[in-house]
Protein backbone atom coordinates (compact mmCIF):
# COMPACT_ATOMS: atom_id res chain seq x y z
CA MET A 1 0.05 0.03 0.04
CA THR A 2 1.13 3.49 -0.57
CA PRO A 3 1.46 5.84 2.47
CA PHE A 4 -1.93 7.59 1.73
CA ARG A 5 -3.62 4.38 1.36
CA ASP A 6 -2.21 3.25 4.67
CA ARG A 7 -3.80 6.40 6.28
CA LEU A 8 -7.02 5.80 4.39
CA ALA A 9 -7.12 1.99 5.66
CA ASN A 10 -6.66 3.32 9.01
CA ALA A 11 -9.22 5.86 9.03
CA VAL A 12 -11.90 3.54 7.81
CA GLN A 13 -10.71 0.97 10.40
CA SER A 14 -11.26 3.72 12.92
CA VAL A 15 -14.98 4.11 11.95
CA THR A 16 -15.66 0.38 11.54
CA GLY A 17 -13.17 -0.85 14.17
CA ARG A 18 -13.77 -1.73 17.77
CA ASN A 19 -15.43 1.43 19.11
CA ALA A 20 -17.53 2.26 16.30
CA ALA A 21 -20.98 1.78 14.64
CA THR A 22 -21.67 0.60 11.07
CA VAL A 23 -23.71 3.53 10.56
CA ASP A 24 -20.51 5.71 10.60
CA THR A 25 -19.45 4.29 7.25
CA ALA A 26 -22.15 6.41 5.41
CA GLY A 27 -20.21 8.81 2.89
CA MET A 28 -16.74 7.12 3.76
CA PRO A 29 -14.23 6.03 1.14
CA VAL A 30 -14.21 2.12 0.62
CA LEU A 31 -10.83 0.25 0.11
CA THR A 32 -10.78 -1.51 -3.36
CA PRO A 33 -11.02 -5.13 -2.96
CA LEU A 34 -8.23 -7.62 -3.84
CA GLN A 35 -10.47 -9.27 -6.46
CA PRO A 36 -12.65 -6.71 -8.19
CA VAL A 37 -15.99 -7.87 -9.48
CA ASP A 38 -16.34 -8.85 -12.93
CA LEU A 39 -19.68 -7.25 -13.77
CA ARG A 40 -20.37 -9.68 -16.82
CA ASP A 41 -20.30 -12.45 -14.26
CA ASN A 42 -24.12 -12.73 -13.19
CA GLU A 43 -23.42 -15.06 -10.44
CA THR A 44 -20.50 -13.04 -8.47
CA VAL A 45 -22.57 -9.88 -9.20
CA GLY A 46 -25.96 -11.44 -7.80
CA GLU A 47 -24.05 -12.80 -4.79
CA VAL A 48 -22.53 -9.45 -3.82
CA LEU A 49 -26.04 -7.87 -4.18
CA GLU A 50 -27.61 -10.53 -2.20
CA VAL A 51 -25.13 -9.98 0.70
CA ALA A 52 -25.88 -5.98 0.29
CA MET A 53 -29.86 -6.57 0.40
CA LYS A 54 -29.73 -9.09 3.34
CA VAL A 55 -27.95 -6.43 5.38
CA GLY A 56 -30.30 -4.02 4.60
CA GLU A 57 -33.33 -6.31 5.16
CA VAL A 58 -32.31 -6.63 8.93
CA LEU A 59 -31.51 -2.85 9.40
CA LEU A 60 -34.92 -1.95 8.05
CA ASP A 61 -36.69 -4.90 9.73
CA SER A 62 -35.17 -3.27 13.27
CA GLY A 63 -36.59 0.19 12.42
CA THR A 64 -33.25 1.73 10.94
CA GLY A 65 -34.08 4.90 8.83
CA ALA A 66 -34.39 4.53 5.20
CA VAL A 67 -31.22 6.84 4.51
CA ASP A 68 -29.06 4.92 6.83
CA THR A 69 -30.30 1.48 5.38
CA GLU A 70 -29.53 2.79 1.81
CA ALA A 71 -25.91 3.88 3.07
CA GLN A 72 -25.12 0.57 4.51
CA VAL A 73 -26.27 -1.24 1.36
CA ARG A 74 -24.05 0.89 -0.75
CA TYR A 75 -21.23 0.48 1.44
CA VAL A 76 -21.13 -3.14 1.37
CA ALA A 77 -21.76 -3.39 -2.35
CA ALA A 78 -19.05 -0.96 -2.94
CA THR A 79 -16.62 -2.83 -0.31
CA TYR A 80 -16.93 -5.84 -2.73
CA GLY A 81 -15.99 -3.61 -5.74
CA ILE A 82 -19.51 -2.65 -7.08
CA ASP A 83 -19.48 1.28 -7.04
CA GLU A 84 -22.16 1.99 -9.59
CA VAL A 85 -25.18 1.06 -7.46
CA THR A 86 -28.52 2.61 -7.09
CA VAL A 87 -30.47 1.93 -4.02
CA SER A 88 -34.03 2.70 -3.28
CA VAL A 89 -35.60 1.81 0.38
CA THR A 90 -39.04 2.19 0.87
CA TYR A 91 -41.45 1.53 3.62
CA ASN A 92 -41.22 -2.41 3.25
CA SER A 93 -38.82 -2.81 0.15
CA ILE A 94 -35.11 -2.70 -0.85
CA ASN A 95 -34.36 -2.28 -4.65
CA VAL A 96 -30.72 -2.48 -5.92
CA SER A 97 -29.63 -2.02 -9.46
CA VAL A 98 -26.35 -2.05 -11.12
CA GLN A 99 -25.40 -0.80 -14.39
CA ARG A 100 -22.84 -3.62 -15.92
CA GLY A 101 -21.56 -1.69 -18.93
CA ARG A 102 -22.33 -1.15 -22.70
CA GLY A 103 -24.39 -4.02 -24.15
CA LEU A 104 -25.45 -5.68 -20.93
CA PRO A 105 -28.43 -5.31 -19.22
CA PRO A 106 -28.61 -3.88 -15.63
CA SER A 107 -28.91 -6.11 -12.75
CA THR A 108 -31.77 -5.41 -10.79
CA TYR A 109 -32.84 -7.02 -7.52
CA MET A 110 -35.62 -6.54 -5.12
CA ARG A 111 -36.52 -7.76 -1.45
CA THR A 112 -39.42 -7.18 0.40
CA VAL A 113 -39.43 -7.02 4.25
CA SER A 114 -42.71 -8.59 5.29
CA HIS A 115 -42.68 -7.68 8.79
CA ARG A 116 -40.81 -6.29 11.70
CA SER A 117 -39.43 -7.93 14.67
CA LEU A 118 -37.86 -6.81 17.67
CA ASP A 119 -34.63 -8.81 17.91
CA TYR A 120 -31.76 -6.64 18.74
CA THR A 121 -29.20 -9.29 18.94
CA ARG A 122 -29.69 -10.04 15.28
CA LEU A 123 -29.13 -6.45 14.51
CA SER A 124 -25.76 -6.29 16.45
CA GLN A 125 -24.70 -9.29 14.83
CA VAL A 126 -25.17 -8.00 11.39
CA ASP A 127 -23.36 -4.81 12.66
CA THR A 128 -20.24 -6.71 13.46
CA LEU A 129 -20.56 -8.52 9.98
CA VAL A 130 -20.70 -5.41 8.21
CA ARG A 131 -17.45 -4.20 10.04
CA ARG A 132 -15.71 -7.47 9.20
CA ILE A 133 -16.76 -6.75 5.62
CA GLY A 134 -15.53 -3.31 5.76
CA ARG A 135 -11.90 -4.68 6.88
CA GLY A 136 -11.98 -7.03 4.00
CA ARG A 137 -11.97 -10.01 6.17
CA ILE A 138 -14.71 -12.12 4.75
CA ARG A 139 -15.52 -13.08 1.22
CA PRO A 140 -18.94 -12.59 -0.31
CA ASP A 141 -20.10 -16.29 -0.28
CA GLN A 142 -18.81 -16.44 3.45
CA ALA A 143 -20.77 -13.10 4.39
CA LEU A 144 -24.09 -14.59 2.59
CA THR A 145 -23.72 -17.82 4.69
CA ALA A 146 -23.07 -15.66 7.92
CA LEU A 147 -26.49 -13.82 7.17
CA GLU A 148 -28.60 -16.55 6.47
CA SER A 149 -27.25 -18.15 9.65
CA ILE A 150 -28.19 -14.77 11.55
CA MET A 151 -31.62 -14.37 9.78
CA THR A 152 -32.92 -18.01 10.72
CA ALA A 153 -31.57 -18.21 14.31
CA GLY A 154 -34.03 -18.27 16.86
CA HIS A 155 -33.91 -15.71 19.76
CA PRO A 156 -30.96 -15.61 21.95
CA TYR A 157 -32.96 -16.13 25.08
CA SER A 158 -36.59 -17.60 26.00
CA ARG A 159 -39.89 -15.68 25.69
CA THR A 160 -39.76 -15.76 29.47
CA VAL A 161 -36.96 -13.70 29.81
CA ALA A 162 -38.54 -11.23 27.33
CA THR A 163 -41.71 -11.29 29.22
CA LEU A 164 -39.80 -10.38 32.24
CA GLY A 165 -38.17 -7.29 30.72
CA TRP A 166 -41.62 -6.00 29.40
CA ALA A 167 -42.87 -6.59 33.06
CA ILE A 168 -39.81 -4.85 34.70
CA MET A 169 -40.23 -2.01 32.35
CA SER A 170 -44.02 -1.45 33.43
CA ALA A 171 -43.03 -1.69 37.07
CA SER A 172 -40.24 0.75 36.54
CA LEU A 173 -42.51 3.15 34.68
CA THR A 174 -44.87 3.17 37.27
CA MET A 175 -42.27 4.11 40.00
CA LEU A 176 -40.88 6.93 37.68
CA LEU A 177 -44.70 8.10 37.38
CA GLY A 178 -44.76 8.42 41.27
CA GLY A 179 -46.45 5.01 42.00
CA GLN A 180 -46.16 3.07 44.93
CA PRO A 181 -44.44 -0.40 45.01
CA ALA A 182 -47.88 -2.12 45.37
CA LEU A 183 -49.00 -0.35 42.31
CA ALA A 184 -45.61 -1.22 40.63
CA ALA A 185 -46.38 -5.02 41.49
CA VAL A 186 -49.80 -4.49 39.78
CA ALA A 187 -48.19 -3.31 36.74
CA PHE A 188 -45.35 -6.19 36.71
CA VAL A 189 -48.40 -8.65 36.58
CA THR A 190 -50.61 -6.85 34.20
CA THR A 191 -47.99 -6.23 31.66
CA ALA A 192 -46.82 -9.95 31.95
CA LEU A 193 -50.42 -10.99 31.21
CA ILE A 194 -50.69 -8.81 28.34
CA TYR A 195 -47.31 -10.10 26.78
CA ALA A 196 -48.62 -13.64 27.10
CA VAL A 197 -52.02 -12.90 25.78
CA ASN A 198 -50.66 -11.18 22.73
CA VAL A 199 -47.98 -13.85 21.77
CA ARG A 200 -50.78 -16.35 21.91
CA LEU A 201 -52.87 -13.96 19.50
CA SER A 202 -49.75 -13.52 17.35
CA GLN A 203 -49.43 -17.09 16.88
CA TRP A 204 -53.01 -17.33 15.86
CA GLY A 205 -52.35 -14.54 13.14
CA LEU A 206 -54.46 -11.83 14.49
CA PRO A 207 -53.14 -8.43 12.98
CA TYR A 208 -50.94 -6.15 15.35
CA PHE A 209 -53.78 -3.56 15.39
CA PHE A 210 -55.85 -5.79 17.52
CA GLN A 211 -53.16 -7.15 19.72
CA GLN A 212 -52.94 -3.33 20.75
CA VAL A 213 -56.41 -3.06 21.33
CA VAL A 214 -56.30 -6.21 23.53
CA GLY A 215 -53.36 -4.83 25.32
CA GLY A 216 -54.86 -1.39 25.96
CA PHE A 217 -57.93 -3.22 27.30
CA LEU A 218 -55.71 -5.59 29.40
CA ALA A 219 -53.78 -2.53 31.00
CA THR A 220 -56.88 -0.55 32.16
CA LEU A 221 -59.11 -3.40 33.59
CA PRO A 222 -57.20 -4.65 36.34
CA ALA A 223 -56.26 -0.74 37.39
CA ALA A 224 -60.02 -0.11 37.59
CA LEU A 225 -60.89 -3.17 39.58
CA ILE A 226 -58.21 -2.19 42.23
CA TYR A 227 -59.57 1.14 42.42
CA ARG A 228 -62.85 -0.29 43.21
CA LEU A 229 -61.57 -2.36 45.84
CA SER A 230 -59.84 0.66 47.01
CA ILE A 231 -63.01 2.40 47.77
CA THR A 232 -64.45 -0.58 49.64
CA TYR A 233 -61.34 -0.95 51.70
CA ASP A 234 -60.31 2.55 52.25
CA TRP A 235 -56.95 2.21 50.38
CA ASP A 236 -55.06 5.33 48.64
CA VAL A 237 -54.54 4.09 45.01
CA GLN A 238 -54.12 6.05 42.01
CA PRO A 239 -55.04 3.56 39.20
CA TYR A 240 -54.10 5.91 36.25
CA ARG A 241 -50.22 5.48 37.18
CA VAL A 242 -50.59 1.66 36.18
CA ILE A 243 -52.61 2.43 32.99
CA VAL A 244 -50.25 5.18 31.75
CA ALA A 245 -47.21 2.95 32.46
CA GLY A 246 -49.47 -0.03 30.27
CA ILE A 247 -49.72 2.76 27.46
CA ILE A 248 -46.09 3.59 27.34
CA VAL A 249 -45.10 -0.10 27.18
CA LEU A 250 -47.52 -0.82 24.42
CA MET A 251 -46.25 2.34 22.45
CA ALA A 252 -42.64 1.46 23.11
CA GLY A 253 -42.11 -0.96 20.42
CA LEU A 254 -43.35 1.25 17.46
CA SER A 255 -40.95 2.90 14.99
CA LEU A 256 -41.60 6.59 16.06
CA VAL A 257 -37.81 7.32 15.87
CA GLY A 258 -37.41 5.94 12.37
CA SER A 259 -40.52 7.51 10.86
CA VAL A 260 -39.52 10.89 12.05
CA GLN A 261 -35.71 10.36 11.21
CA ASP A 262 -36.92 9.40 7.65
CA ALA A 263 -38.84 12.52 7.33
CA ILE A 264 -35.90 14.75 8.48
CA THR A 265 -33.30 13.21 6.67
CA GLY A 266 -34.86 13.17 3.14
CA ALA A 267 -37.04 10.05 2.97
CA PRO A 268 -40.39 11.68 3.22
CA VAL A 269 -42.60 8.71 1.57
CA THR A 270 -41.23 6.11 3.93
CA GLY A 271 -41.31 8.52 6.77
CA ALA A 272 -44.99 9.17 6.26
CA ALA A 273 -45.85 5.41 5.96
CA ARG A 274 -44.18 4.62 9.21
CA PHE A 275 -45.65 7.48 10.88
CA PHE A 276 -48.95 6.55 9.53
CA GLU A 277 -48.40 3.17 11.18
CA VAL A 278 -47.43 4.46 14.43
CA VAL A 279 -50.54 6.61 14.65
CA VAL A 280 -52.69 3.36 13.86
CA PHE A 281 -51.08 1.13 16.32
CA THR A 282 -51.21 3.84 18.95
CA GLY A 283 -55.02 4.23 18.09
CA GLY A 284 -55.47 0.72 18.73
CA VAL A 285 -53.99 1.12 22.26
CA VAL A 286 -56.49 4.30 22.62
CA ALA A 287 -59.27 2.26 21.62
CA GLY A 288 -58.57 -0.66 23.90
CA VAL A 289 -58.09 1.68 26.93
CA GLY A 290 -61.52 3.57 25.97
CA MET A 291 -63.46 0.23 25.79
CA ALA A 292 -62.10 -0.77 29.12
CA LEU A 293 -63.24 2.41 30.78
CA ARG A 294 -66.73 2.01 29.20
CA VAL A 295 -67.06 -1.63 30.32
CA THR A 296 -65.64 -0.56 33.86
CA SER A 297 -67.95 2.02 34.43
CA GLU A 298 -70.84 0.14 33.59
CA LEU A 299 -69.70 -2.36 36.26
CA GLY A 300 -69.65 0.56 38.81
CA ALA A 301 -65.82 0.92 38.83
CA THR A 302 -65.57 4.34 37.24
CA LEU A 303 -61.69 5.72 37.42
CA PRO A 304 -61.33 9.06 38.96
CA PRO A 305 -60.77 11.91 36.70
CA MET A 306 -57.58 13.55 35.89
CA GLN A 307 -57.19 17.07 36.34
CA GLN A 308 -55.49 19.50 34.33
CA GLN A 309 -52.66 20.35 36.78
CA PRO A 310 -48.97 19.30 36.87
CA PHE A 311 -48.49 15.77 37.40
CA ASP A 312 -46.20 14.67 40.30
CA TYR A 313 -43.63 12.48 39.18
CA ALA A 314 -41.25 10.46 41.20
CA PRO A 315 -38.36 12.58 43.22
CA LEU A 316 -35.51 13.00 40.83
CA PRO A 317 -33.17 10.10 42.26
CA ILE A 318 -36.19 7.59 41.90
CA LEU A 319 -36.94 9.16 38.49
CA VAL A 320 -33.40 8.70 37.30
CA VAL A 321 -32.82 5.28 38.51
CA ALA A 322 -36.35 4.12 37.28
CA GLY A 323 -35.77 5.51 34.02
CA GLY A 324 -32.57 3.79 33.43
CA VAL A 325 -34.16 0.51 34.45
CA ALA A 326 -36.95 0.88 32.36
CA ALA A 327 -34.55 1.63 29.24
CA ALA A 328 -32.78 -1.34 30.46
CA ALA A 329 -35.78 -3.41 30.52
CA PHE A 330 -36.78 -2.32 27.10
CA ALA A 331 -33.56 -3.60 25.54
CA LEU A 332 -33.85 -6.78 27.44
CA ALA A 333 -37.51 -7.38 26.10
CA GLY A 334 -36.01 -6.80 22.52
CA TYR A 335 -33.43 -9.42 23.15
CA ALA A 336 -30.36 -7.06 23.03
CA GLN A 337 -27.10 -8.25 24.27
CA LEU A 338 -25.85 -7.62 27.81
CA ARG A 339 -23.51 -4.57 26.76
CA ALA A 340 -26.52 -3.09 25.02
CA LEU A 341 -28.44 -3.23 28.18
CA THR A 342 -25.65 -1.19 30.14
CA ALA A 343 -25.50 1.34 27.62
CA SER A 344 -29.39 1.54 27.68
CA PHE A 345 -29.42 1.87 31.22
CA LEU A 346 -27.30 4.84 31.18
CA ALA A 347 -28.91 6.65 28.26
CA GLY A 348 -32.31 6.02 30.00
CA GLY A 349 -30.96 7.61 33.12
CA ALA A 350 -29.62 10.48 31.41
CA GLY A 351 -32.55 11.17 29.55
CA ALA A 352 -34.75 11.02 32.62
CA LEU A 353 -32.51 13.25 34.67
CA VAL A 354 -32.31 16.05 31.88
CA ALA A 355 -36.24 15.69 31.43
CA GLY A 356 -36.89 15.80 35.27
CA SER A 357 -34.77 18.67 35.73
CA ILE A 358 -36.17 20.78 33.01
CA LEU A 359 -39.83 20.05 34.26
CA ASN A 360 -39.07 21.16 37.57
CA LEU A 361 -38.14 24.55 36.20
CA GLY A 362 -41.67 24.85 35.02
CA VAL A 363 -40.58 24.34 31.25
CA GLY A 364 -43.37 22.45 29.36
CA PRO A 365 -43.27 18.91 28.26
CA ILE A 366 -42.53 19.49 24.55
CA VAL A 367 -39.06 21.65 25.40
CA ALA A 368 -38.06 19.10 28.00
CA SER A 369 -38.80 16.07 25.83
CA THR A 370 -36.53 17.81 23.11
CA VAL A 371 -33.58 18.68 25.17
CA ALA A 372 -34.03 15.20 27.08
CA ALA A 373 -33.90 13.33 23.64
CA THR A 374 -31.13 15.13 22.04
CA ALA A 375 -29.02 14.27 25.49
CA VAL A 376 -30.34 10.84 25.08
CA GLY A 377 -29.11 10.62 21.34
CA LEU A 378 -26.00 12.25 21.99
CA ALA A 379 -25.08 9.97 25.10
CA GLY A 380 -26.46 6.80 23.40
CA GLY A 381 -24.49 7.23 20.35
CA LEU A 382 -21.25 7.84 22.25
CA LEU A 383 -22.17 4.87 24.45
CA ALA A 384 -23.08 2.53 21.76
CA ARG A 385 -19.71 3.07 20.03
CA ARG A 386 -17.98 2.44 23.21
CA ALA A 387 -20.06 -0.78 23.70
CA VAL A 388 -19.65 -1.74 20.25
CA VAL A 389 -23.52 -1.83 19.63
CA PRO A 390 -25.84 -0.19 16.99
CA PRO A 391 -26.72 3.42 18.26
CA LEU A 392 -30.58 2.47 17.53
CA ILE A 393 -30.75 0.09 20.31
CA VAL A 394 -29.51 2.71 22.75
CA ALA A 395 -31.38 5.49 21.26
CA VAL A 396 -34.98 3.66 21.12
CA ALA A 397 -34.37 2.32 24.62
CA GLY A 398 -33.35 5.61 26.00
CA ILE A 399 -36.33 7.56 24.77
CA THR A 400 -38.65 4.81 26.15
CA PRO A 401 -39.37 6.46 29.66
CA LEU A 402 -40.27 9.73 27.78
CA VAL A 403 -42.77 8.35 25.76
CA PRO A 404 -45.97 10.69 26.21
CA GLY A 405 -48.47 8.00 27.66
CA LEU A 406 -49.60 10.50 30.20
CA ALA A 407 -51.05 12.95 27.62
CA VAL A 408 -52.53 10.02 25.62
CA TYR A 409 -54.48 9.00 28.62
CA ARG A 410 -55.73 12.50 29.73
CA GLY A 411 -56.86 13.16 26.25
CA LEU A 412 -58.65 9.70 26.39
CA SER A 413 -60.05 10.41 29.74
CA GLU A 414 -61.34 13.75 28.77
CA LEU A 415 -62.55 12.72 25.79
CA MET A 416 -64.78 9.93 27.34
CA ASP A 417 -65.95 12.81 29.84
CA GLY A 418 -67.31 15.05 27.06
CA GLN A 419 -64.36 17.44 27.29
CA THR A 420 -63.47 17.30 23.52
CA THR A 421 -61.33 20.91 23.50
CA SER A 422 -59.13 19.45 26.36
CA ALA A 423 -58.94 16.21 24.76
CA LEU A 424 -57.61 17.19 21.35
CA THR A 425 -55.26 19.50 23.28
CA ASN A 426 -53.74 16.60 25.14
CA MET A 427 -53.73 14.43 22.10
CA ALA A 428 -52.11 17.31 19.94
CA THR A 429 -49.59 17.52 22.91
CA ALA A 430 -48.86 13.94 22.86
CA LEU A 431 -48.33 14.02 19.06
CA ALA A 432 -45.74 17.00 19.51
CA VAL A 433 -44.09 15.36 22.19
CA GLY A 434 -43.39 11.95 20.23
CA CYS A 435 -42.11 14.08 17.41
CA ALA A 436 -39.96 16.02 19.54
CA LEU A 437 -38.46 12.93 21.07
CA ALA A 438 -37.57 11.64 17.63
CA ALA A 439 -36.17 14.72 16.23
CA GLY A 440 -34.20 15.08 19.57
CA VAL A 441 -32.60 11.82 18.98
CA THR A 442 -31.59 12.31 15.66
CA LEU A 443 -30.25 15.56 16.35
CA GLY A 444 -28.30 14.14 19.16
CA GLU A 445 -27.05 11.23 16.97
CA TRP A 446 -25.85 13.60 14.38
CA VAL A 447 -23.59 15.43 17.00
CA ALA A 448 -22.32 12.10 18.26
CA ARG A 449 -21.31 11.02 14.66
CA THR A 450 -19.73 14.45 13.94
CA ILE A 451 -17.86 13.96 17.21
CA ARG A 452 -16.53 10.72 16.36
CA ARG A 453 -15.73 11.91 12.62
CA PRO A 454 -12.30 10.45 11.72
CA GLN A 455 -9.20 12.23 10.20
CA ILE A 456 -7.09 11.40 7.07
CA ASN A 457 -3.62 13.34 6.88
CA GLY A 458 -4.90 15.83 9.74
CA LEU A 459 -8.31 16.64 7.97
CA PRO A 460 -11.87 15.57 8.97
CA PHE A 461 -13.87 13.40 6.62
CA ARG A 462 -16.97 14.98 5.91
CA ARG A 463 -20.04 13.09 5.03
CA VAL A 464 -21.93 13.81 1.64
CA ARG A 465 -25.56 13.10 0.75
CA GLU A 466 -25.43 10.61 -2.37
């Protein structure tokens, strides 16, 4: 290698090496392979593009933004010697085309992502594989075999552990919202029941929207019944804290970050489709909660109304710990690896600390959510690179305690009471907070990438939009 090429290789490895995420490779130069691809060889071209598309499929399946997915597909193809490649990523499909030269038809491939699954270990394994590809340590046929093994493997641990993660997350959120340990125990059991029921409904093929309806119904019913008992036995119970925790859990797995990130970074069609999906599935939760409120009202277990006044969260130390535990529990429920759990805990705690501190100053939830999410995106991006996990895992887990479940429940409760104006105001607040969270994470992640930008010959690389 020439001296410049040595420096180039070192710079690329500083991004694709030990303390980096594959998303940092977007816009980076690619080392020429030892064996350039013969574009006249259909089998070789197809093999390289198949590797690139399978990488993109896992990224898109995990909720990665369309622009970042496109960049990774281009990077993998270019690493194996196919530079002139056109990539188009939409809501559920990946199209890759390469011009093979004069007199030869272009090679075009398409892959459809039929469903999205929450398995962050699979995403981490592909992240590691792309780093190996970037270092030139694996041939296309070997990469294809590794990808097929990753994509067909089962979850790294049992559903019981994932159920435990969802339940711990709900209990932590109840504590974060100012609930007592007894209420946290109720939330723990309720969420475990919701997850077990929805797993069975999924096995029966019930569409996800109706699973959200069932989840919202089950999240509300136990809280209402406990409140009815509290009246009889003179207990001090605030059931809406359990319901809000359940709403946040049901909304946590939705691709809100990816949808807003797509809209911000130049993929409006995919962003609109993802955002509509988030709205529809959130509507399922709202419908389930509303049905439960109506049923319990008919049974004489009417829940107390929520007043339009500042909400009493837990004291700041408990808020920070509960936020960190909730974020780590979400990562556990998403089958993340151990190092991702630690990074998620720190990011979630940082987000809760910032949001709680700003709210204590009397600032509104939208500003608090924006600043907190930016801190999560920045801290999560840096922590993810230190822990060698995809930043997406830490970012999504880190903002989980900040999801606007309280505004959603307030709006629904007021709608049931006929207070339409206040209800629409709270629903609009929930929408604004959700967008603020996603935008803040995107900004924080951009700052993290800028900080981690490598240098060649003393000058920083600048990423360019393709």
